Amino acid sequence: MSKIASTFSRLVRFTPKSNPSRTLIGEPVDPEIDVGLALYQGKDVRVHLFSGSSVLNPGQKTSATESIQRVLSPLAQNEVGSIRCIGLNYVSHAAEMKLDLPSVPTLFYKPSAALADPFPAPTILPRITQVDNTGDYESEMVIVIGRDAKDVREDEALDYVLGYTAANDVSSRTSQMNQSQWCFSKGFDTACPIGPTLVSSTLIPDASKLHIRGLKNGRVLQDCPLTDLIFSVPKLVSFLSQGTTLPAGTIVLTGTPPGVGAAKNPKEFLTAGDEFAVELLPHVGTLITKFEHQG
């Protein structure tokens, strides 16, 4: 694991109630609390402050505590660079899309401008998506790289992993199907909310033990163990680092399980006012996103 990963269990990046103009890093006082769900329900969430200003360099836990006013994405836009995304990485999702299992990972990119904070920050469905209302959700686990990685062997890949969080790979399906490359249709501003916590790889030594669910307006639409992944975390980190430096702060979206809106009959797309929750358990918690239309 990354050496930094041993210095924390779960980190949140947030603005405090005492001074909402500041951005701080901290660890929830309650080790079991689902930060995203608790804040959504209006509960007070207290954290122990860390001395650093970034999850990439958090410093040390202090005795000071603060209450969260607003939770932010664990990393800022200037820390993630380009966002790496893996397509078609669950066996059961490939089956629902009637596609053969890939022999190598399928990679596409989102720009850093796609990064978005959890609720109450909205994700905006752009005008091009509103033309036929084909905005879609994809619940995903995210790998966060803790130190620069290049040409990493699979058996050493976890040494570069800082931790894990959750994401929603928001997509515009008509735009996606109109092109052979997916970067445009999945790269709109705010199309990559992540959070609410960054969980240390010390707490999650084997990410396949996690379970992910996606809930639209409270209804469960995706529900899958990560044992269903086609390419494991070590395989993905090793593959993506071949000939390519993955700088510290790189985030990798690892694919979505079955249940996406485009595969349903009738189809189940997103519109203004919808709320979508990505629940990644244990430890990570619930990433809640509310959707708005671009005016």
C-alpha atoms as a PDB file:
ATOM      1  CA  MET A   1       0.000   0.000   0.000  1.00  0.00           C
ATOM      2  CA  SER A   2       0.995   3.643  -0.319  1.00  0.00           C
ATOM      3  CA  LYS A   3       2.921   4.794   2.790  1.00  0.00           C
ATOM      4  CA  ILE A   4       0.525   7.724   3.190  1.00  0.00           C
ATOM      5  CA  ALA A   5      -2.375   5.257   3.390  1.00  0.00           C
ATOM      6  CA  SER A   6      -1.118   4.075   6.772  1.00  0.00           C
ATOM      7  CA  THR A   7      -1.586   7.562   8.281  1.00  0.00           C
ATOM      8  CA  PHE A   8      -5.409   7.608   8.089  1.00  0.00           C
ATOM      9  CA  SER A   9      -8.510   5.427   7.908  1.00  0.00           C
ATOM     10  CA  ARG A  10     -11.089   7.641   6.149  1.00  0.00           C
ATOM     11  CA  LEU A  11     -10.593  11.220   5.018  1.00  0.00           C
ATOM     12  CA  VAL A  12     -13.076  13.878   3.998  1.00  0.00           C
ATOM     13  CA  ARG A  13     -12.374  17.170   2.304  1.00  0.00           C
ATOM     14  CA  PHE A  14     -14.913  19.727   3.474  1.00  0.00           C
ATOM     15  CA  THR A  15     -15.875  23.232   4.461  1.00  0.00           C
ATOM     16  CA  PRO A  16     -16.535  23.669   8.212  1.00  0.00           C
ATOM     17  CA  LYS A  17     -19.582  25.228   9.847  1.00  0.00           C
ATOM     18  CA  SER A  18     -17.289  27.551  11.798  1.00  0.00           C
ATOM     19  CA  ASN A  19     -15.883  29.121   8.611  1.00  0.00           C
ATOM     20  CA  PRO A  20     -17.457  27.918   5.329  1.00  0.00           C
ATOM     21  CA  SER A  21     -14.887  29.842   3.279  1.00  0.00           C
ATOM     22  CA  ARG A  22     -12.131  27.436   4.369  1.00  0.00           C
ATOM     23  CA  THR A  23     -11.360  24.003   2.942  1.00  0.00           C
ATOM     24  CA  LEU A  24     -10.117  21.426   5.447  1.00  0.00           C
ATOM     25  CA  ILE A  25      -9.142  17.761   5.625  1.00  0.00           C
ATOM     26  CA  GLY A  26     -10.328  15.506   8.420  1.00  0.00           C
ATOM     27  CA  GLU A  27     -11.333  12.064   9.599  1.00  0.00           C
ATOM     28  CA  PRO A  28     -14.859  11.369  10.900  1.00  0.00           C
ATOM     29  CA  VAL A  29     -14.985  11.068  14.687  1.00  0.00           C
ATOM     30  CA  ASP A  30     -17.479   8.211  14.321  1.00  0.00           C
ATOM     31  CA  PRO A  31     -15.601   5.458  12.456  1.00  0.00           C
ATOM     32  CA  GLU A  32     -18.868   3.830  11.338  1.00  0.00           C
ATOM     33  CA  ILE A  33     -20.824   6.863  10.133  1.00  0.00           C
ATOM     34  CA  ASP A  34     -21.965   7.039   6.505  1.00  0.00           C
ATOM     35  CA  VAL A  35     -20.881  10.642   5.936  1.00  0.00           C
ATOM     36  CA  GLY A  36     -22.849  11.232   2.733  1.00  0.00           C
ATOM     37  CA  LEU A  37     -26.092   9.801   4.066  1.00  0.00           C
ATOM     38  CA  ALA A  38     -25.779  11.537   7.440  1.00  0.00           C
ATOM     39  CA  LEU A  39     -25.246  14.954   5.852  1.00  0.00           C
ATOM     40  CA  TYR A  40     -28.122  14.360   3.434  1.00  0.00           C
ATOM     41  CA  GLN A  41     -30.336  13.652   6.456  1.00  0.00           C
ATOM     42  CA  GLY A  42     -29.235  16.905   8.090  1.00  0.00           C
ATOM     43  CA  LYS A  43     -27.186  15.301  10.853  1.00  0.00           C
ATOM     44  CA  ASP A  44     -24.150  16.900  12.442  1.00  0.00           C
ATOM     45  CA  VAL A  45     -20.949  15.161  11.321  1.00  0.00           C
ATOM     46  CA  ARG A  46     -17.835  15.945  13.317  1.00  0.00           C
ATOM     47  CA  VAL A  47     -14.312  15.235  12.147  1.00  0.00           C
ATOM     48  CA  HIS A  48     -10.828  15.270  13.628  1.00  0.00           C
ATOM     49  CA  LEU A  49      -8.779  17.784  11.657  1.00  0.00           C
ATOM     50  CA  PHE A  50      -5.570  16.783   9.916  1.00  0.00           C
ATOM     51  CA  SER A  51      -2.658  19.202   9.690  1.00  0.00           C
ATOM     52  CA  GLY A  52      -2.316  18.911   5.893  1.00  0.00           C
ATOM     53  CA  SER A  53      -4.351  20.546   3.160  1.00  0.00           C
ATOM     54  CA  SER A  54      -4.768  17.610   0.749  1.00  0.00           C
ATOM     55  CA  VAL A  55      -5.563  13.907   0.982  1.00  0.00           C
ATOM     56  CA  LEU A  56      -2.344  13.399  -0.992  1.00  0.00           C
ATOM     57  CA  ASN A  57      -0.408  14.978   1.874  1.00  0.00           C
ATOM     58  CA  PRO A  58      -2.766  14.913   4.854  1.00  0.00           C
ATOM     59  CA  GLY A  59      -0.187  15.427   7.579  1.00  0.00           C
ATOM     60  CA  GLN A  60      -1.101  14.235  11.055  1.00  0.00           C
ATOM     61  CA  LYS A  61      -4.374  13.897  12.913  1.00  0.00           C
ATOM     62  CA  THR A  62      -4.808  16.708  15.459  1.00  0.00           C
ATOM     63  CA  SER A  63      -6.935  16.997  18.580  1.00  0.00           C
ATOM     64  CA  ALA A  64      -9.064  19.734  16.994  1.00  0.00           C
ATOM     65  CA  THR A  65     -12.541  18.894  15.688  1.00  0.00           C
ATOM     66  CA  GLU A  66     -14.969  20.632  13.342  1.00  0.00           C
ATOM     67  CA  SER A  67     -18.482  20.019  12.026  1.00  0.00           C
ATOM     68  CA  ILE A  68     -18.948  19.615   8.290  1.00  0.00           C
ATOM     69  CA  GLN A  69     -20.891  22.354   6.540  1.00  0.00           C
ATOM     70  CA  ARG A  70     -20.393  20.894   3.071  1.00  0.00           C
ATOM     71  CA  VAL A  71     -18.519  17.810   1.943  1.00  0.00           C
ATOM     72  CA  LEU A  72     -16.356  18.199  -1.168  1.00  0.00           C
ATOM     73  CA  SER A  73     -14.858  15.731  -3.614  1.00  0.00           C
ATOM     74  CA  PRO A  74     -11.883  14.086  -1.867  1.00  0.00           C
ATOM     75  CA  LEU A  75      -9.515  15.594  -4.435  1.00  0.00           C
ATOM     76  CA  ALA A  76      -9.669  18.972  -6.162  1.00  0.00           C
ATOM     77  CA  GLN A  77      -9.735  19.387  -9.942  1.00  0.00           C
ATOM     78  CA  ASN A  78      -6.088  20.460 -10.043  1.00  0.00           C
ATOM     79  CA  GLU A  79      -5.045  17.275  -8.225  1.00  0.00           C
ATOM     80  CA  VAL A  80      -6.621  14.615 -10.429  1.00  0.00           C
ATOM     81  CA  GLY A  81      -5.332  15.551 -13.886  1.00  0.00           C
ATOM     82  CA  SER A  82      -7.180  13.569 -16.541  1.00  0.00           C
ATOM     83  CA  ILE A  83      -9.635  11.073 -15.088  1.00  0.00           C
ATOM     84  CA  ARG A  84      -9.077   7.491 -16.262  1.00  0.00           C
ATOM     85  CA  CYS A  85     -12.211   5.404 -16.759  1.00  0.00           C
ATOM     86  CA  ILE A  86     -12.661   1.713 -17.505  1.00  0.00           C
ATOM     87  CA  GLY A  87     -15.585   0.556 -19.618  1.00  0.00           C
ATOM     88  CA  LEU A  88     -17.281  -2.838 -19.452  1.00  0.00           C
ATOM     89  CA  ASN A  89     -15.594  -4.243 -16.350  1.00  0.00           C
ATOM     90  CA  TYR A  90     -18.346  -6.357 -14.746  1.00  0.00           C
ATOM     91  CA  VAL A  91     -19.207  -9.820 -16.045  1.00  0.00           C
ATOM     92  CA  SER A  92     -22.931  -9.295 -15.468  1.00  0.00           C
ATOM     93  CA  HIS A  93     -22.906  -5.848 -17.105  1.00  0.00           C
ATOM     94  CA  ALA A  94     -21.314  -7.319 -20.229  1.00  0.00           C
ATOM     95  CA  ALA A  95     -24.081  -9.920 -20.225  1.00  0.00           C
ATOM     96  CA  GLU A  96     -26.879  -7.347 -19.975  1.00  0.00           C
ATOM     97  CA  MET A  97     -25.319  -5.366 -22.853  1.00  0.00           C
ATOM     98  CA  LYS A  98     -24.957  -8.622 -24.847  1.00  0.00           C
ATOM     99  CA  LEU A  99     -21.223  -8.033 -25.312  1.00  0.00           C
ATOM    100  CA  ASP A 100     -18.277 -10.410 -25.165  1.00  0.00           C
ATOM    101  CA  LEU A 101     -15.936 -10.121 -22.190  1.00  0.00           C
ATOM    102  CA  PRO A 102     -12.966  -7.903 -23.104  1.00  0.00           C
ATOM    103  CA  SER A 103      -9.483  -9.414 -23.121  1.00  0.00           C
ATOM    104  CA  VAL A 104      -7.850  -6.094 -22.174  1.00  0.00           C
ATOM    105  CA  PRO A 105      -9.375  -3.123 -20.306  1.00  0.00           C
ATOM    106  CA  THR A 106     -11.256  -0.519 -22.324  1.00  0.00           C
ATOM    107  CA  LEU A 107      -9.994   2.961 -21.413  1.00  0.00           C
ATOM    108  CA  PHE A 108     -11.549   6.390 -21.911  1.00  0.00           C
ATOM    109  CA  TYR A 109     -10.926   9.744 -20.279  1.00  0.00           C
ATOM    110  CA  LYS A 110     -12.888  12.474 -18.577  1.00  0.00           C
ATOM    111  CA  PRO A 111     -11.389  15.957 -18.231  1.00  0.00           C
ATOM    112  CA  SER A 112     -10.765  17.330 -14.753  1.00  0.00           C
ATOM    113  CA  ALA A 113     -13.636  19.808 -15.333  1.00  0.00           C
ATOM    114  CA  ALA A 114     -15.999  16.829 -15.078  1.00  0.00           C
ATOM    115  CA  LEU A 115     -15.132  16.388 -11.393  1.00  0.00           C
ATOM    116  CA  ALA A 116     -17.984  17.366  -9.058  1.00  0.00           C
ATOM    117  CA  ASP A 117     -18.738  17.462  -5.342  1.00  0.00           C
ATOM    118  CA  PRO A 118     -21.362  15.328  -3.593  1.00  0.00           C
ATOM    119  CA  PHE A 119     -24.795  16.615  -2.559  1.00  0.00           C
ATOM    120  CA  PRO A 120     -25.827  19.406  -2.225  1.00  0.00           C
ATOM    121  CA  ALA A 121     -23.673  20.331  -5.234  1.00  0.00           C
ATOM    122  CA  PRO A 122     -25.658  19.434  -8.374  1.00  0.00           C
ATOM    123  CA  THR A 123     -24.631  17.591 -11.506  1.00  0.00           C
ATOM    124  CA  ILE A 124     -25.807  19.496 -14.562  1.00  0.00           C
ATOM    125  CA  LEU A 125     -27.421  17.719 -17.507  1.00  0.00           C
ATOM    126  CA  PRO A 126     -26.268  19.802 -20.508  1.00  0.00           C
ATOM    127  CA  ARG A 127     -28.543  20.960 -23.293  1.00  0.00           C
ATOM    128  CA  ILE A 128     -27.205  18.302 -25.669  1.00  0.00           C
ATOM    129  CA  THR A 129     -28.381  15.616 -23.230  1.00  0.00           C
ATOM    130  CA  GLN A 130     -31.768  17.274 -22.776  1.00  0.00           C
ATOM    131  CA  VAL A 131     -32.565  17.047 -26.506  1.00  0.00           C
ATOM    132  CA  ASP A 132     -33.836  13.489 -26.027  1.00  0.00           C
ATOM    133  CA  ASN A 133     -33.352  13.088 -22.246  1.00  0.00           C
ATOM    134  CA  THR A 134     -30.851  10.224 -22.420  1.00  0.00           C
ATOM    135  CA  GLY A 135     -28.697  11.120 -19.419  1.00  0.00           C
ATOM    136  CA  ASP A 136     -27.661   7.941 -17.605  1.00  0.00           C
ATOM    137  CA  TYR A 137     -26.108   6.896 -14.311  1.00  0.00           C
ATOM    138  CA  GLU A 138     -23.244   4.473 -13.627  1.00  0.00           C
ATOM    139  CA  SER A 139     -22.303   3.559 -10.048  1.00  0.00           C
ATOM    140  CA  GLU A 140     -18.559   2.992  -9.767  1.00  0.00           C
ATOM    141  CA  MET A 141     -15.709   2.317  -7.371  1.00  0.00           C
ATOM    142  CA  VAL A 142     -12.733   4.672  -7.741  1.00  0.00           C
ATOM    143  CA  ILE A 143      -9.054   3.873  -7.253  1.00  0.00           C
ATOM    144  CA  VAL A 144      -6.939   6.808  -6.022  1.00  0.00           C
ATOM    145  CA  ILE A 145      -3.223   6.604  -6.841  1.00  0.00           C
ATOM    146  CA  GLY A 146      -1.002   7.736  -3.964  1.00  0.00           C
ATOM    147  CA  ARG A 147       2.388   8.089  -5.665  1.00  0.00           C
ATOM    148  CA  ASP A 148       3.665   8.297  -9.222  1.00  0.00           C
ATOM    149  CA  ALA A 149       3.362   4.935 -10.937  1.00  0.00           C
ATOM    150  CA  LYS A 150       4.922   3.770 -14.211  1.00  0.00           C
ATOM    151  CA  ASP A 151       5.486   0.278 -15.611  1.00  0.00           C
ATOM    152  CA  VAL A 152       4.175  -1.226 -12.389  1.00  0.00           C
ATOM    153  CA  ARG A 153       4.058  -5.004 -12.021  1.00  0.00           C
ATOM    154  CA  GLU A 154       0.737  -6.506 -11.021  1.00  0.00           C
ATOM    155  CA  ASP A 155       2.198  -7.980  -7.839  1.00  0.00           C
ATOM    156  CA  GLU A 156       3.351  -4.538  -6.659  1.00  0.00           C
ATOM    157  CA  ALA A 157       0.393  -2.489  -7.905  1.00  0.00           C
ATOM    158  CA  LEU A 158      -1.327  -2.136  -4.528  1.00  0.00           C
ATOM    159  CA  ASP A 159       1.785  -0.356  -3.199  1.00  0.00           C
ATOM    160  CA  TYR A 160       0.688   2.625  -5.303  1.00  0.00           C
ATOM    161  CA  VAL A 161      -2.947   2.714  -4.193  1.00  0.00           C
ATOM    162  CA  LEU A 162      -3.779   5.405  -1.645  1.00  0.00           C
ATOM    163  CA  GLY A 163      -7.399   4.385  -1.242  1.00  0.00           C
ATOM    164  CA  TYR A 164     -10.877   4.153  -2.686  1.00  0.00           C
ATOM    165  CA  THR A 165     -13.980   6.276  -3.093  1.00  0.00           C
ATOM    166  CA  ALA A 166     -17.230   6.197  -5.095  1.00  0.00           C
ATOM    167  CA  ALA A 167     -18.243   7.892  -8.338  1.00  0.00           C
ATOM    168  CA  ASN A 168     -21.128   8.299 -10.717  1.00  0.00           C
ATOM    169  CA  ASP A 169     -19.982   8.098 -14.355  1.00  0.00           C
ATOM    170  CA  VAL A 170     -22.778  10.288 -15.720  1.00  0.00           C
ATOM    171  CA  SER A 171     -23.274   9.692 -19.438  1.00  0.00           C
ATOM    172  CA  SER A 172     -25.201  11.051 -22.401  1.00  0.00           C
ATOM    173  CA  ARG A 173     -26.253   7.886 -24.207  1.00  0.00           C
ATOM    174  CA  THR A 174     -27.247   9.290 -27.626  1.00  0.00           C
ATOM    175  CA  SER A 175     -23.960  11.158 -27.865  1.00  0.00           C
ATOM    176  CA  GLN A 176     -22.132   8.002 -26.780  1.00  0.00           C
ATOM    177  CA  MET A 177     -23.774   5.819 -29.412  1.00  0.00           C
ATOM    178  CA  ASN A 178     -23.158   8.425 -32.129  1.00  0.00           C
ATOM    179  CA  GLN A 179     -19.397   8.150 -31.702  1.00  0.00           C
ATOM    180  CA  SER A 180     -16.760   5.437 -31.433  1.00  0.00           C
ATOM    181  CA  GLN A 181     -14.947   7.355 -28.680  1.00  0.00           C
ATOM    182  CA  TRP A 182     -16.708   7.993 -25.365  1.00  0.00           C
ATOM    183  CA  CYS A 183     -14.748  10.969 -23.976  1.00  0.00           C
ATOM    184  CA  PHE A 184     -17.201  13.576 -25.291  1.00  0.00           C
ATOM    185  CA  SER A 185     -20.399  11.878 -24.104  1.00  0.00           C
ATOM    186  CA  LYS A 186     -19.055  11.213 -20.614  1.00  0.00           C
ATOM    187  CA  GLY A 187     -16.896  14.296 -20.139  1.00  0.00           C
ATOM    188  CA  PHE A 188     -19.363  17.137 -19.643  1.00  0.00           C
ATOM    189  CA  ASP A 189     -18.860  19.563 -16.768  1.00  0.00           C
ATOM    190  CA  THR A 190     -19.865  17.974 -13.403  1.00  0.00           C
ATOM    191  CA  ALA A 191     -20.299  14.524 -15.025  1.00  0.00           C
ATOM    192  CA  CYS A 192     -18.021  12.876 -12.460  1.00  0.00           C
ATOM    193  CA  PRO A 193     -19.166  13.410  -8.873  1.00  0.00           C
ATOM    194  CA  ILE A 194     -16.937  11.500  -6.425  1.00  0.00           C
ATOM    195  CA  GLY A 195     -16.914  10.962  -2.666  1.00  0.00           C
ATOM    196  CA  PRO A 196     -17.954  11.293   0.056  1.00  0.00           C
ATOM    197  CA  THR A 197     -14.899   9.760   1.774  1.00  0.00           C
ATOM    198  CA  LEU A 198     -11.494   8.548   0.696  1.00  0.00           C
ATOM    199  CA  VAL A 199     -10.958   5.214   2.441  1.00  0.00           C
ATOM    200  CA  SER A 200      -7.384   4.098   3.059  1.00  0.00           C
ATOM    201  CA  SER A 201      -6.200   0.945   1.351  1.00  0.00           C
ATOM    202  CA  THR A 202      -5.274  -0.251   4.866  1.00  0.00           C
ATOM    203  CA  LEU A 203      -9.007  -0.552   5.576  1.00  0.00           C
ATOM    204  CA  ILE A 204      -9.697  -2.127   2.197  1.00  0.00           C
ATOM    205  CA  PRO A 205      -6.813  -4.497   1.443  1.00  0.00           C
ATOM    206  CA  ASP A 206      -8.992  -6.334  -1.100  1.00  0.00           C
ATOM    207  CA  ALA A 207     -11.425  -4.131  -3.015  1.00  0.00           C
ATOM    208  CA  SER A 208     -13.269  -7.174  -4.371  1.00  0.00           C
ATOM    209  CA  LYS A 209     -14.821  -7.516  -0.901  1.00  0.00           C
ATOM    210  CA  LEU A 210     -16.825  -4.313  -1.425  1.00  0.00           C
ATOM    211  CA  HIS A 211     -20.456  -4.181  -2.525  1.00  0.00           C
ATOM    212  CA  ILE A 212     -21.962  -1.453  -4.693  1.00  0.00           C
ATOM    213  CA  ARG A 213     -25.553  -0.311  -5.162  1.00  0.00           C
ATOM    214  CA  GLY A 214     -27.144   2.443  -7.222  1.00  0.00           C
ATOM    215  CA  LEU A 215     -30.446   3.984  -6.146  1.00  0.00           C
ATOM    216  CA  LYS A 216     -32.491   6.437  -8.195  1.00  0.00           C
ATOM    217  CA  ASN A 217     -34.920   8.425  -6.037  1.00  0.00           C
ATOM    218  CA  GLY A 218     -34.656   5.668  -3.429  1.00  0.00           C
ATOM    219  CA  ARG A 219     -35.239   2.714  -5.793  1.00  0.00           C
ATOM    220  CA  VAL A 220     -32.445   0.168  -6.100  1.00  0.00           C
ATOM    221  CA  LEU A 221     -31.418  -0.131  -9.761  1.00  0.00           C
ATOM    222  CA  GLN A 222     -27.895  -1.514  -9.395  1.00  0.00           C
ATOM    223  CA  ASP A 223     -26.795  -4.079  -6.797  1.00  0.00           C
ATOM    224  CA  CYS A 224     -23.620  -6.096  -7.217  1.00  0.00           C
ATOM    225  CA  PRO A 225     -20.573  -7.449  -5.345  1.00  0.00           C
ATOM    226  CA  LEU A 226     -17.187  -6.391  -6.675  1.00  0.00           C
ATOM    227  CA  THR A 227     -16.223 -10.039  -7.024  1.00  0.00           C
ATOM    228  CA  ASP A 228     -17.947  -9.594 -10.407  1.00  0.00           C
ATOM    229  CA  LEU A 229     -15.138  -7.358 -11.718  1.00  0.00           C
ATOM    230  CA  ILE A 230     -13.461  -8.627 -14.865  1.00  0.00           C
ATOM    231  CA  PHE A 231     -10.188  -6.765 -14.220  1.00  0.00           C
ATOM    232  CA  SER A 232      -9.060  -6.454 -10.605  1.00  0.00           C
ATOM    233  CA  VAL A 233      -7.492  -3.372  -9.013  1.00  0.00           C
ATOM    234  CA  PRO A 234      -3.922  -4.743  -9.384  1.00  0.00           C
ATOM    235  CA  LYS A 235      -4.557  -5.620 -13.035  1.00  0.00           C
ATOM    236  CA  LEU A 236      -5.939  -2.156 -13.789  1.00  0.00           C
ATOM    237  CA  VAL A 237      -3.154  -0.229 -12.058  1.00  0.00           C
ATOM    238  CA  SER A 238      -0.504  -2.347 -13.755  1.00  0.00           C
ATOM    239  CA  PHE A 239      -2.143  -2.101 -17.188  1.00  0.00           C
ATOM    240  CA  LEU A 240      -2.721   1.672 -17.051  1.00  0.00           C
ATOM    241  CA  SER A 241       0.861   2.341 -15.927  1.00  0.00           C
ATOM    242  CA  GLN A 242       2.544   0.562 -18.830  1.00  0.00           C
ATOM    243  CA  GLY A 243       4.562   3.210 -20.664  1.00  0.00           C
ATOM    244  CA  THR A 244       2.476   5.896 -18.932  1.00  0.00           C
ATOM    245  CA  THR A 245       3.103   7.757 -15.696  1.00  0.00           C
ATOM    246  CA  LEU A 246       0.074   7.823 -13.418  1.00  0.00           C
ATOM    247  CA  PRO A 247       0.811  10.844 -11.213  1.00  0.00           C
ATOM    248  CA  ALA A 248      -0.161  10.848  -7.545  1.00  0.00           C
ATOM    249  CA  GLY A 249      -3.798  11.956  -7.415  1.00  0.00           C
ATOM    250  CA  THR A 250      -4.815  10.049 -10.529  1.00  0.00           C
ATOM    251  CA  ILE A 251      -8.285   8.598 -10.119  1.00  0.00           C
ATOM    252  CA  VAL A 252      -9.471   5.520 -11.964  1.00  0.00           C
ATOM    253  CA  LEU A 253     -13.178   4.762 -12.361  1.00  0.00           C
ATOM    254  CA  THR A 254     -13.402   0.986 -12.502  1.00  0.00           C
ATOM    255  CA  GLY A 255     -16.621   0.365 -14.431  1.00  0.00           C
ATOM    256  CA  THR A 256     -20.268  -0.061 -13.559  1.00  0.00           C
ATOM    257  CA  PRO A 257     -22.324  -3.138 -12.599  1.00  0.00           C
ATOM    258  CA  PRO A 258     -25.555  -4.173 -14.366  1.00  0.00           C
ATOM    259  CA  GLY A 259     -28.684  -2.078 -14.123  1.00  0.00           C
ATOM    260  CA  VAL A 260     -27.796   1.021 -16.141  1.00  0.00           C
ATOM    261  CA  GLY A 261     -30.736   2.947 -17.534  1.00  0.00           C
ATOM    262  CA  ALA A 262     -29.884   2.302 -21.181  1.00  0.00           C
ATOM    263  CA  ALA A 263     -30.141  -1.469 -20.642  1.00  0.00           C
ATOM    264  CA  LYS A 264     -33.556  -1.429 -18.988  1.00  0.00           C
ATOM    265  CA  ASN A 265     -36.897  -2.027 -20.693  1.00  0.00           C
ATOM    266  CA  PRO A 266     -38.356   0.543 -20.596  1.00  0.00           C
ATOM    267  CA  LYS A 267     -35.207   2.642 -20.381  1.00  0.00           C
ATOM    268  CA  GLU A 268     -34.570   4.523 -17.137  1.00  0.00           C
ATOM    269  CA  PHE A 269     -32.897   7.877 -17.735  1.00  0.00           C
ATOM    270  CA  LEU A 270     -32.159  10.947 -15.602  1.00  0.00           C
ATOM    271  CA  THR A 271     -33.896  14.302 -15.576  1.00  0.00           C
ATOM    272  CA  ALA A 272     -33.922  17.472 -13.506  1.00  0.00           C
ATOM    273  CA  GLY A 273     -34.916  16.836  -9.897  1.00  0.00           C
ATOM    274  CA  ASP A 274     -33.750  13.224  -9.834  1.00  0.00           C
ATOM    275  CA  GLU A 275     -31.463  12.090  -7.039  1.00  0.00           C
ATOM    276  CA  PHE A 276     -29.053   9.219  -7.485  1.00  0.00           C
ATOM    277  CA  ALA A 277     -27.143   7.512  -4.681  1.00  0.00           C
ATOM    278  CA  VAL A 278     -24.047   5.367  -5.169  1.00  0.00           C
ATOM    279  CA  GLU A 279     -23.625   3.225  -2.060  1.00  0.00           C
ATOM    280  CA  LEU A 280     -20.200   1.599  -1.688  1.00  0.00           C
ATOM    281  CA  LEU A 281     -19.885  -0.491   1.462  1.00  0.00           C
ATOM    282  CA  PRO A 282     -18.264  -1.048   3.830  1.00  0.00           C
ATOM    283  CA  HIS A 283     -16.459   2.163   4.809  1.00  0.00           C
ATOM    284  CA  VAL A 284     -16.889   4.451   1.770  1.00  0.00           C
ATOM    285  CA  GLY A 285     -20.554   5.314   2.328  1.00  0.00           C
ATOM    286  CA  THR A 286     -23.108   6.948   0.060  1.00  0.00           C
ATOM    287  CA  LEU A 287     -22.415   9.426  -2.731  1.00  0.00           C
ATOM    288  CA  ILE A 288     -25.628  11.363  -3.381  1.00  0.00           C
ATOM    289  CA  THR A 289     -26.108  13.521  -6.456  1.00  0.00           C
ATOM    290  CA  LYS A 290     -29.025  15.751  -7.409  1.00  0.00           C
ATOM    291  CA  PHE A 291     -29.493  16.530 -11.084  1.00  0.00           C
ATOM    292  CA  GLU A 292     -30.377  19.862 -12.664  1.00  0.00           C
ATOM    293  CA  HIS A 293     -30.871  20.940 -16.271  1.00  0.00           C
ATOM    294  CA  GLN A 294     -28.514  23.422 -17.841  1.00  0.00           C
ATOM    295  CA  GLY A 295     -30.578  26.568 -18.285  1.00  0.00           C
END
